[in-house]
Amino acid sequence: MTCRVGLLLVAHHYDAESAGHLRTLTFSAGVPGRLATIGGRSGDEIGHGLRSLHAAAHDAVAVVPLFVSSGSRLVRQATELAAAASAETHIPATVTAALDTSAEVMDILADRARRLAESRARQALMLVGHGPVADEDMADWESLGATVAAGVRERAGFAVVEAGVVRDDAAPEARAAAVAVLRDRIARLASDIGRPVVVVPWVLGAGRLTRECLPADLAGLDVRYDGQPLLPHPALARWVTRQIGAARRLLERDAVPSA
């Protein structure tokens, strides 16, 4: 039996511009959907989203976290909230992976970088992500960044592609240390190659980080930067559709009684 799946797209709380892009993405996914934001505001938007989708005659809900990393503390929080809401309401729900190392995120970053490049084969690209709060999560972010950077280099053809983080929500001393490392890496790349380094935010939506913090972090360096995040981009709609398909298959498998 086909499972009637609703979409609950979970994303960080952003400003009005990015929120508009998120709503458009939610309603273009091909199934009835709701947007739930997390971070920046209190409120049980995830529980409300599950209940409203179930009330609209859906058998189950695909909870899709639109974040750069599945290891994000907000993704972990969203997963816990979805599990609690599912148990309380008896609405079957499954939480998919975040963007992680998907082909779509690499395609978007490659597109953003091409627009800023002068001569890709003789230029370096630095992808700059939000990064973790906790020190123990740095190794996972570094591994994720290395994989994403390799995929972007394959697509965009830059001489060098690296990924770094600024740890924007970490303690001030941790953020300052991360920015110092990032600045040193960018300065080295610019010196080694002799051209401005293209810097692309490895960040979902526009906000304080892309518009204020990163420009200040990059001040005085030889870079090309325009602050364009992942949103909006048609590849995100393709990614959401894939996640819904994966969730439906899992939900339908779990709904089949064991022999």
Protein backbone atom coordinates (compact mmCIF):
# COMPACT_ATOMS: atom_id res chain seq x y z
CA MET A 1 0.00 0.00 0.00
CA THR A 2 1.27 3.46 -0.88
CA CYS A 3 1.93 5.62 2.15
CA ARG A 4 0.52 9.15 1.97
CA VAL A 5 3.54 11.10 3.17
CA GLY A 6 3.56 14.74 4.17
CA LEU A 7 6.73 16.85 4.26
CA LEU A 8 7.94 18.68 7.33
CA LEU A 9 10.93 20.74 6.25
CA VAL A 10 12.99 21.81 9.25
CA ALA A 11 15.43 24.69 8.92
CA HIS A 12 17.16 27.30 11.02
CA HIS A 13 15.18 30.42 11.82
CA TYR A 14 16.27 33.00 9.22
CA ASP A 15 15.35 36.51 8.19
CA ALA A 16 12.34 37.28 5.98
CA GLU A 17 14.21 36.83 2.69
CA SER A 18 15.53 33.35 3.44
CA ALA A 19 12.26 32.37 5.12
CA GLY A 20 10.49 33.19 1.86
CA HIS A 21 12.87 30.94 -0.06
CA LEU A 22 12.24 28.16 2.46
CA ARG A 23 8.47 28.45 2.11
CA THR A 24 8.77 28.32 -1.67
CA LEU A 25 10.95 25.23 -1.40
CA THR A 26 8.47 23.57 0.96
CA PHE A 27 5.51 24.12 -1.32
CA SER A 28 7.34 23.07 -4.50
CA ALA A 29 8.33 19.63 -3.22
CA GLY A 30 5.44 17.77 -4.87
CA VAL A 31 3.69 16.70 -1.63
CA PRO A 32 1.74 18.69 0.96
CA GLY A 33 4.25 20.28 3.27
CA ARG A 34 4.88 22.48 6.28
CA LEU A 35 7.92 24.51 7.30
CA ALA A 36 9.19 24.28 10.88
CA THR A 37 12.02 26.51 12.03
CA ILE A 38 14.34 25.82 14.91
CA GLY A 39 16.78 28.14 16.66
CA GLY A 40 16.25 31.82 17.36
CA ARG A 41 12.70 31.34 18.64
CA SER A 42 11.01 29.05 21.11
CA GLY A 43 7.94 27.02 20.29
CA ASP A 44 7.06 23.49 19.27
CA GLU A 45 6.89 24.04 15.50
CA ILE A 46 7.93 20.45 14.81
CA GLY A 47 5.14 18.96 16.94
CA HIS A 48 2.63 21.39 15.46
CA GLY A 49 3.76 20.47 11.94
CA LEU A 50 3.33 16.74 12.56
CA ARG A 51 -0.14 17.22 14.01
CA SER A 52 -1.31 19.51 11.20
CA LEU A 53 -0.08 17.14 8.48
CA HIS A 54 -1.71 14.16 10.15
CA ALA A 55 -4.97 16.12 10.50
CA ALA A 56 -4.85 16.70 6.74
CA ALA A 57 -5.16 12.90 6.21
CA HIS A 58 -1.50 11.94 5.83
CA ASP A 59 -0.41 8.50 6.97
CA ALA A 60 3.09 9.56 7.94
CA VAL A 61 5.53 12.45 7.86
CA ALA A 62 8.97 12.81 6.28
CA VAL A 63 10.96 15.18 8.49
CA VAL A 64 13.70 16.69 6.32
CA PRO A 65 16.37 18.77 8.10
CA LEU A 66 17.70 21.38 5.69
CA PHE A 67 21.10 21.87 7.30
CA VAL A 68 24.68 21.57 6.07
CA SER A 69 25.59 18.74 8.46
CA SER A 70 23.65 15.92 10.06
CA GLY A 71 26.02 16.36 13.00
CA SER A 72 24.69 19.83 13.74
CA ARG A 73 23.36 20.28 17.27
CA LEU A 74 20.15 21.69 15.75
CA VAL A 75 19.68 18.57 13.63
CA ARG A 76 20.13 16.45 16.74
CA GLN A 77 17.60 18.64 18.53
CA ALA A 78 15.14 18.41 15.63
CA THR A 79 15.49 14.61 15.60
CA GLU A 80 14.73 14.41 19.31
CA LEU A 81 11.72 16.73 18.99
CA ALA A 82 10.34 14.77 16.02
CA ALA A 83 10.72 11.46 17.87
CA ALA A 84 8.97 12.86 20.94
CA ALA A 85 6.14 14.35 18.87
CA SER A 86 5.71 11.10 16.91
CA ALA A 87 5.50 9.06 20.11
CA GLU A 88 3.05 11.47 21.73
CA THR A 89 0.73 11.78 18.75
CA HIS A 90 1.18 8.22 17.35
CA ILE A 91 1.96 9.75 13.94
CA PRO A 92 4.62 7.70 12.09
CA ALA A 93 7.56 9.93 11.19
CA THR A 94 11.13 9.49 10.03
CA VAL A 95 13.96 12.02 9.97
CA THR A 96 16.20 12.02 6.91
CA ALA A 97 19.85 13.02 6.65
CA ALA A 98 20.88 16.65 6.18
CA LEU A 99 22.70 17.92 3.06
CA ASP A 100 26.04 16.39 4.15
CA THR A 101 27.99 15.19 1.08
CA SER A 102 25.06 15.14 -1.35
CA ALA A 103 25.69 15.82 -5.02
CA GLU A 104 23.28 18.74 -4.82
CA VAL A 105 25.25 20.68 -2.23
CA MET A 106 28.43 20.23 -4.27
CA ASP A 107 26.63 21.38 -7.43
CA ILE A 108 25.37 24.54 -5.71
CA LEU A 109 28.75 25.46 -4.24
CA ALA A 110 30.39 24.89 -7.63
CA ASP A 111 27.82 27.21 -9.25
CA ARG A 112 28.42 29.92 -6.66
CA ALA A 113 32.19 29.67 -7.10
CA ARG A 114 32.14 29.83 -10.91
CA ARG A 115 30.40 33.20 -10.81
CA LEU A 116 33.24 34.72 -8.81
CA ALA A 117 36.20 33.10 -10.55
CA GLU A 118 38.62 34.86 -12.87
CA SER A 119 40.60 31.80 -13.97
CA ARG A 120 39.48 28.64 -12.18
CA ALA A 121 42.39 26.47 -13.29
CA ARG A 122 44.78 29.01 -11.71
CA GLN A 123 42.73 30.03 -8.70
CA ALA A 124 41.95 28.71 -5.23
CA LEU A 125 38.52 28.33 -3.65
CA MET A 126 37.75 28.35 0.06
CA LEU A 127 34.36 27.10 1.29
CA VAL A 128 33.49 28.63 4.65
CA GLY A 129 30.98 26.92 6.92
CA HIS A 130 29.35 27.74 10.22
CA GLY A 131 31.12 24.96 12.08
CA PRO A 132 30.45 23.28 15.42
CA VAL A 133 30.03 24.66 18.91
CA ALA A 134 31.80 21.79 20.67
CA ASP A 135 35.50 21.03 20.17
CA GLU A 136 34.78 17.30 19.92
CA ASP A 137 32.70 17.87 16.78
CA MET A 138 35.53 19.53 14.83
CA ALA A 139 36.92 16.28 13.42
CA ASP A 140 33.56 15.40 11.86
CA TRP A 141 33.26 18.87 10.31
CA GLU A 142 36.80 18.65 8.93
CA SER A 143 36.07 15.25 7.37
CA LEU A 144 32.81 16.52 5.89
CA GLY A 145 34.52 19.64 4.54
CA ALA A 146 37.30 17.63 2.88
CA THR A 147 34.76 15.44 1.06
CA VAL A 148 32.62 18.38 -0.05
CA ALA A 149 35.70 20.32 -1.20
CA ALA A 150 36.88 17.39 -3.30
CA GLY A 151 33.48 17.12 -4.97
CA VAL A 152 33.36 20.83 -5.71
CA ARG A 153 36.86 20.79 -7.19
CA GLU A 154 35.85 17.93 -9.49
CA ARG A 155 32.84 19.93 -10.68
CA ALA A 156 34.27 23.44 -10.89
CA GLY A 157 37.89 22.82 -11.89
CA PHE A 158 39.69 25.10 -9.43
CA ALA A 159 43.38 24.58 -8.84
CA VAL A 160 42.78 24.11 -5.13
CA VAL A 161 39.58 23.78 -3.10
CA GLU A 162 39.57 23.75 0.68
CA ALA A 163 36.88 24.04 3.35
CA GLY A 164 37.05 25.81 6.69
CA VAL A 165 34.74 26.94 9.49
CA VAL A 166 34.37 29.96 11.75
CA ARG A 167 32.50 28.25 14.64
CA ASP A 168 30.06 31.13 14.76
CA ASP A 169 28.11 30.03 17.86
CA ALA A 170 31.09 28.75 19.83
CA ALA A 171 32.73 30.59 22.71
CA PRO A 172 34.41 33.86 21.63
CA GLU A 173 37.91 32.45 22.07
CA ALA A 174 37.05 29.35 20.02
CA ARG A 175 35.57 31.48 17.23
CA ALA A 176 38.57 33.79 17.24
CA ALA A 177 40.94 30.82 16.96
CA ALA A 178 38.92 29.32 14.08
CA VAL A 179 38.91 32.64 12.20
CA ALA A 180 42.67 33.02 12.71
CA VAL A 181 43.25 29.58 11.20
CA LEU A 182 40.93 30.39 8.29
CA ARG A 183 42.68 33.71 7.60
CA ASP A 184 46.10 32.04 7.63
CA ARG A 185 44.94 29.40 5.15
CA ILE A 186 43.44 31.98 2.79
CA ALA A 187 46.53 34.18 2.97
CA ARG A 188 48.73 31.17 2.18
CA LEU A 189 46.58 30.19 -0.81
CA ALA A 190 46.61 33.74 -2.18
CA SER A 191 50.39 33.93 -1.79
CA ASP A 192 51.07 30.49 -3.27
CA ILE A 193 48.84 30.99 -6.33
CA GLY A 194 49.24 34.72 -6.80
CA ARG A 195 45.54 35.41 -7.38
CA PRO A 196 42.57 36.37 -5.19
CA VAL A 197 41.02 33.43 -3.38
CA VAL A 198 37.35 32.83 -4.17
CA VAL A 199 35.41 32.48 -0.91
CA VAL A 200 31.93 30.93 -0.92
CA PRO A 201 29.71 30.54 2.16
CA TRP A 202 29.03 26.88 2.87
CA VAL A 203 25.93 28.12 4.64
CA LEU A 204 22.25 27.54 3.95
CA GLY A 205 20.68 31.00 4.23
CA ALA A 206 21.65 34.64 4.23
CA GLY A 207 21.87 36.41 7.56
CA ARG A 208 24.25 38.02 10.01
CA LEU A 209 26.98 35.46 9.31
CA THR A 210 27.10 35.97 5.54
CA ARG A 211 26.36 39.70 5.52
CA GLU A 212 28.28 41.00 8.53
CA CYS A 213 30.52 38.46 10.23
CA LEU A 214 32.26 36.86 7.26
CA PRO A 215 33.03 40.19 5.54
CA ALA A 216 34.65 41.31 8.81
CA ASP A 217 36.49 37.99 9.17
CA LEU A 218 37.87 38.33 5.62
CA ALA A 219 38.82 42.01 5.87
CA GLY A 220 42.25 42.80 4.42
CA LEU A 221 42.64 39.46 2.63
CA ASP A 222 42.94 39.09 -1.15
CA VAL A 223 39.57 37.47 -1.82
CA ARG A 224 36.53 37.54 -4.06
CA TYR A 225 33.37 37.19 -1.98
CA ASP A 226 29.72 38.08 -2.57
CA GLY A 227 28.03 36.36 0.37
CA GLN A 228 25.58 34.24 -1.66
CA PRO A 229 24.55 31.19 0.41
CA LEU A 230 23.01 27.92 -0.77
CA LEU A 231 19.48 29.34 -0.87
CA PRO A 232 17.86 29.76 -3.32
CA HIS A 233 18.87 27.15 -5.88
CA PRO A 234 16.87 24.61 -7.96
CA ALA A 235 19.14 21.78 -6.80
CA LEU A 236 17.66 22.09 -3.33
CA ALA A 237 14.22 21.14 -4.66
CA ARG A 238 15.75 18.04 -6.27
CA TRP A 239 17.42 17.15 -2.97
CA VAL A 240 14.19 17.54 -0.98
CA THR A 241 12.35 15.32 -3.49
CA ARG A 242 15.02 12.64 -3.09
CA GLN A 243 14.77 12.81 0.69
CA ILE A 244 10.99 12.43 0.58
CA GLY A 245 11.39 9.34 -1.62
CA ALA A 246 13.88 7.79 0.78
CA ALA A 247 11.62 8.55 3.74
CA ARG A 248 8.57 7.05 1.99
CA ARG A 249 10.42 3.80 1.28
CA LEU A 250 11.49 3.53 4.92
CA LEU A 251 8.01 4.36 6.24
CA GLU A 252 6.34 1.84 3.91
CA ARG A 253 8.84 -0.85 4.90
CA ASP A 254 8.19 -0.23 8.60
CA ALA A 255 4.41 -0.30 8.01
CA VAL A 256 4.50 -3.85 6.62
CA PRO A 257 3.72 -6.37 9.41
CA SER A 258 6.47 -8.91 9.95
CA ALA A 259 5.63 -12.50 9.06
